[in-house]
Every structure is written in structure tokens, then in C-alpha cells.
Amino acid sequence: MRDVIHTDAAPRAIGTYSQAVRTGNTVYLSGQIALDPATGELFTGDIETEIERGFANLRAVCEAAGGSLAKLAKLNIYLTDLSHFPSVNAVMERLFTQPYPARAAIGVAQLPRGARFEVDGVLVLD
């Protein structure tokens, strides 16, 4: 059985997908970029602001599913410029405590709406 997770505290899906889908105690979270949930516009500014907004959107979906960032088992990070990876680590140090989730970082040529950062993940609920 699958349950679709949706919250207005994160941007609406901009395609044919759900913000997240729960199967049993596992929640598969779709990618989040730095869209403003209220306007659907991409946040502009420095890369850390963009990363923080992406994680804020991911947090909102985690909370709508009954979890939190602390319950994330796996993250996938997408960057259009891997030189921004130290900024990802700086933001994650502010948002996470040990044990950290497993993580992959992937360099990509392009992301939706001109974003420079995207994050998705797998959440495991108790």
C-alpha cells in the first residue's frame, strides 16, 4: 500500500510526481530545490541560501510524513558545480547531528528552473 505525502509548506510538484510516497515505514522523498513554497519562484542569492532553502523544503515534506531530518537514512545531493560542496557540508553541519544519513553527491549539467542545488532522500519512520 502506498500513501502520497503532500504539504503546502513545500513547493507543489512541478511535474508528474508526488512530493513523497510512503510504503510501510519508508518514505521516498522527491527532489527539492530552492523554490519558495508560497510563490513557486526560485530563491536567488548565495549558494548557502539556496542549499538551506532546499533543505527547508525537504524538512517540510519529512514533517508532513511524520518524520524529521534526523530520521533520514539516505540523501542524494545534486550540484551543477561541485566546487560548492564545502557549502553543502557547512549547511549540513548546522542541520544534522550524528549519526549522519548516508549520502551521495552527483555533479550534473543542469537542474530544474536553473537551480544549482537539489536534494532528495529516503526517510525511515519508527
C-alpha atoms as a PDB file:
ATOM      1  CA  MET A   1       0.000   0.000   0.000  1.00  0.00           C
ATOM      2  CA  ARG A   2       1.304   3.461  -0.918  1.00  0.00           C
ATOM      3  CA  ASP A   3       0.379   6.741   0.715  1.00  0.00           C
ATOM      4  CA  VAL A   4       1.054  10.027  -1.053  1.00  0.00           C
ATOM      5  CA  ILE A   5       2.536  12.746   1.164  1.00  0.00           C
ATOM      6  CA  HIS A   6       1.715  16.387   0.424  1.00  0.00           C
ATOM      7  CA  THR A   7       2.241  19.652   2.291  1.00  0.00           C
ATOM      8  CA  ASP A   8       1.671  23.271   1.354  1.00  0.00           C
ATOM      9  CA  ALA A   9       4.794  24.093   3.417  1.00  0.00           C
ATOM     10  CA  ALA A  10       6.910  22.827   0.499  1.00  0.00           C
ATOM     11  CA  PRO A  11       6.653  23.727  -3.191  1.00  0.00           C
ATOM     12  CA  ARG A  12       3.993  21.981  -5.230  1.00  0.00           C
ATOM     13  CA  ALA A  13       5.247  19.318  -7.602  1.00  0.00           C
ATOM     14  CA  ILE A  14       6.215  20.905 -10.927  1.00  0.00           C
ATOM     15  CA  GLY A  15       5.655  17.717 -12.885  1.00  0.00           C
ATOM     16  CA  THR A  16       4.073  14.293 -12.772  1.00  0.00           C
ATOM     17  CA  TYR A  17       5.300  13.219  -9.336  1.00  0.00           C
ATOM     18  CA  SER A  18       4.400  13.416  -5.646  1.00  0.00           C
ATOM     19  CA  GLN A  19       6.339  15.309  -3.000  1.00  0.00           C
ATOM     20  CA  ALA A  20       6.818  11.947  -1.285  1.00  0.00           C
ATOM     21  CA  VAL A  21       5.395   8.443  -1.193  1.00  0.00           C
ATOM     22  CA  ARG A  22       5.215   6.272   1.923  1.00  0.00           C
ATOM     23  CA  THR A  23       5.390   2.491   1.701  1.00  0.00           C
ATOM     24  CA  GLY A  24       5.312   0.840   5.116  1.00  0.00           C
ATOM     25  CA  ASN A  25       7.709   2.765   7.348  1.00  0.00           C
ATOM     26  CA  THR A  26       9.795   4.053   4.437  1.00  0.00           C
ATOM     27  CA  VAL A  27       9.172   7.419   2.777  1.00  0.00           C
ATOM     28  CA  TYR A  28      10.713   8.188  -0.601  1.00  0.00           C
ATOM     29  CA  LEU A  29      11.204  11.952  -0.908  1.00  0.00           C
ATOM     30  CA  SER A  30      11.233  13.663  -4.282  1.00  0.00           C
ATOM     31  CA  GLY A  31      13.929  16.182  -5.094  1.00  0.00           C
ATOM     32  CA  GLN A  32      13.670  19.643  -3.583  1.00  0.00           C
ATOM     33  CA  ILE A  33      15.247  22.764  -4.974  1.00  0.00           C
ATOM     34  CA  ALA A  34      15.181  26.283  -3.535  1.00  0.00           C
ATOM     35  CA  LEU A  35      11.649  27.151  -4.605  1.00  0.00           C
ATOM     36  CA  ASP A  36       9.606  29.447  -2.391  1.00  0.00           C
ATOM     37  CA  PRO A  37       6.550  27.370  -1.384  1.00  0.00           C
ATOM     38  CA  ALA A  38       4.286  30.440  -1.498  1.00  0.00           C
ATOM     39  CA  THR A  39       5.285  31.804  -4.907  1.00  0.00           C
ATOM     40  CA  GLY A  40       6.916  28.884  -6.705  1.00  0.00           C
ATOM     41  CA  GLU A  41       9.835  31.175  -7.579  1.00  0.00           C
ATOM     42  CA  LEU A  42      13.457  30.122  -7.207  1.00  0.00           C
ATOM     43  CA  PHE A  43      15.319  31.757  -4.317  1.00  0.00           C
ATOM     44  CA  THR A  44      18.279  33.718  -5.560  1.00  0.00           C
ATOM     45  CA  GLY A  45      21.387  34.730  -3.685  1.00  0.00           C
ATOM     46  CA  ASP A  46      24.420  32.926  -2.441  1.00  0.00           C
ATOM     47  CA  ILE A  47      24.733  29.164  -2.734  1.00  0.00           C
ATOM     48  CA  GLU A  48      24.337  28.544   1.021  1.00  0.00           C
ATOM     49  CA  THR A  49      20.954  30.331   0.954  1.00  0.00           C
ATOM     50  CA  GLU A  50      19.899  28.122  -1.949  1.00  0.00           C
ATOM     51  CA  ILE A  51      21.063  24.971  -0.141  1.00  0.00           C
ATOM     52  CA  GLU A  52      19.312  25.995   3.093  1.00  0.00           C
ATOM     53  CA  ARG A  53      16.027  26.601   1.225  1.00  0.00           C
ATOM     54  CA  GLY A  54      16.276  23.211  -0.490  1.00  0.00           C
ATOM     55  CA  PHE A  55      16.749  21.522   2.880  1.00  0.00           C
ATOM     56  CA  ALA A  56      13.896  23.586   4.406  1.00  0.00           C
ATOM     57  CA  ASN A  57      11.612  22.259   1.687  1.00  0.00           C
ATOM     58  CA  LEU A  58      12.832  18.709   2.304  1.00  0.00           C
ATOM     59  CA  ARG A  59      12.281  19.181   6.060  1.00  0.00           C
ATOM     60  CA  ALA A  60       8.686  20.297   5.443  1.00  0.00           C
ATOM     61  CA  VAL A  61       7.945  17.119   3.480  1.00  0.00           C
ATOM     62  CA  CYS A  62       9.656  14.975   6.143  1.00  0.00           C
ATOM     63  CA  GLU A  63       7.484  16.571   8.816  1.00  0.00           C
ATOM     64  CA  ALA A  64       4.323  16.105   6.728  1.00  0.00           C
ATOM     65  CA  ALA A  65       5.203  12.402   6.604  1.00  0.00           C
ATOM     66  CA  GLY A  66       5.561  12.257  10.402  1.00  0.00           C
ATOM     67  CA  GLY A  67       9.354  12.383  10.469  1.00  0.00           C
ATOM     68  CA  SER A  68      12.205  14.854  10.584  1.00  0.00           C
ATOM     69  CA  LEU A  69      15.616  15.434   9.049  1.00  0.00           C
ATOM     70  CA  ALA A  70      17.015  13.300  11.884  1.00  0.00           C
ATOM     71  CA  LYS A  71      15.115  10.280  10.502  1.00  0.00           C
ATOM     72  CA  LEU A  72      16.687  10.496   7.036  1.00  0.00           C
ATOM     73  CA  ALA A  73      18.543   7.317   6.144  1.00  0.00           C
ATOM     74  CA  LYS A  74      19.858   8.446   2.748  1.00  0.00           C
ATOM     75  CA  LEU A  75      20.361  11.705   0.876  1.00  0.00           C
ATOM     76  CA  ASN A  76      21.221  12.352  -2.741  1.00  0.00           C
ATOM     77  CA  ILE A  77      22.774  15.741  -3.416  1.00  0.00           C
ATOM     78  CA  TYR A  78      22.874  17.190  -6.932  1.00  0.00           C
ATOM     79  CA  LEU A  79      25.095  20.172  -7.765  1.00  0.00           C
ATOM     80  CA  THR A  80      25.694  21.963 -11.041  1.00  0.00           C
ATOM     81  CA  ASP A  81      29.126  22.947  -9.690  1.00  0.00           C
ATOM     82  CA  LEU A  82      30.908  20.523  -7.372  1.00  0.00           C
ATOM     83  CA  SER A  83      33.093  23.364  -6.058  1.00  0.00           C
ATOM     84  CA  HIS A  84      30.004  24.241  -3.942  1.00  0.00           C
ATOM     85  CA  PHE A  85      30.353  21.001  -1.997  1.00  0.00           C
ATOM     86  CA  PRO A  86      32.011  22.707   1.023  1.00  0.00           C
ATOM     87  CA  SER A  87      28.849  24.836   1.301  1.00  0.00           C
ATOM     88  CA  VAL A  88      26.732  21.667   1.379  1.00  0.00           C
ATOM     89  CA  ASN A  89      28.859  20.365   4.243  1.00  0.00           C
ATOM     90  CA  ALA A  90      28.608  23.697   6.104  1.00  0.00           C
ATOM     91  CA  VAL A  91      24.803  23.721   5.867  1.00  0.00           C
ATOM     92  CA  MET A  92      24.566  20.045   6.817  1.00  0.00           C
ATOM     93  CA  GLU A  93      26.723  20.663   9.903  1.00  0.00           C
ATOM     94  CA  ARG A  94      24.093  23.184  11.052  1.00  0.00           C
ATOM     95  CA  LEU A  95      21.116  20.920  10.276  1.00  0.00           C
ATOM     96  CA  PHE A  96      22.265  17.419  11.235  1.00  0.00           C
ATOM     97  CA  THR A  97      23.868  15.668  14.168  1.00  0.00           C
ATOM     98  CA  GLN A  98      25.490  12.259  14.238  1.00  0.00           C
ATOM     99  CA  PRO A  99      24.676   9.706  13.109  1.00  0.00           C
ATOM    100  CA  TYR A 100      24.531  11.428   9.720  1.00  0.00           C
ATOM    101  CA  PRO A 101      22.473   9.963   6.896  1.00  0.00           C
ATOM    102  CA  ALA A 102      24.219   8.102   4.107  1.00  0.00           C
ATOM    103  CA  ARG A 103      24.850  10.461   1.207  1.00  0.00           C
ATOM    104  CA  ALA A 104      25.775  10.595  -2.455  1.00  0.00           C
ATOM    105  CA  ALA A 105      26.868  13.726  -4.291  1.00  0.00           C
ATOM    106  CA  ILE A 106      26.365  13.956  -8.017  1.00  0.00           C
ATOM    107  CA  GLY A 107      27.600  16.651 -10.387  1.00  0.00           C
ATOM    108  CA  VAL A 108      25.007  17.457 -13.044  1.00  0.00           C
ATOM    109  CA  ALA A 109      24.908  19.766 -16.049  1.00  0.00           C
ATOM    110  CA  GLN A 110      21.520  21.282 -15.256  1.00  0.00           C
ATOM    111  CA  LEU A 111      18.698  21.267 -12.692  1.00  0.00           C
ATOM    112  CA  PRO A 112      15.056  22.384 -12.941  1.00  0.00           C
ATOM    113  CA  ARG A 113      14.341  26.122 -13.017  1.00  0.00           C
ATOM    114  CA  GLY A 114      18.044  26.976 -13.151  1.00  0.00           C
ATOM    115  CA  ALA A 115      18.701  25.719  -9.604  1.00  0.00           C
ATOM    116  CA  ARG A 116      22.276  24.963  -8.604  1.00  0.00           C
ATOM    117  CA  PHE A 117      21.346  22.500  -5.819  1.00  0.00           C
ATOM    118  CA  GLU A 118      18.801  19.718  -5.387  1.00  0.00           C
ATOM    119  CA  VAL A 119      18.319  17.170  -2.617  1.00  0.00           C
ATOM    120  CA  ASP A 120      16.177  14.051  -2.325  1.00  0.00           C
ATOM    121  CA  GLY A 121      16.192  11.264   0.185  1.00  0.00           C
ATOM    122  CA  VAL A 122      14.794   8.244   1.944  1.00  0.00           C
ATOM    123  CA  LEU A 123      13.152   8.675   5.336  1.00  0.00           C
ATOM    124  CA  VAL A 124      12.598   5.791   7.735  1.00  0.00           C
ATOM    125  CA  LEU A 125       9.876   6.196  10.340  1.00  0.00           C
ATOM    126  CA  ASP A 126       9.668   4.297  13.642  1.00  0.00           C
END
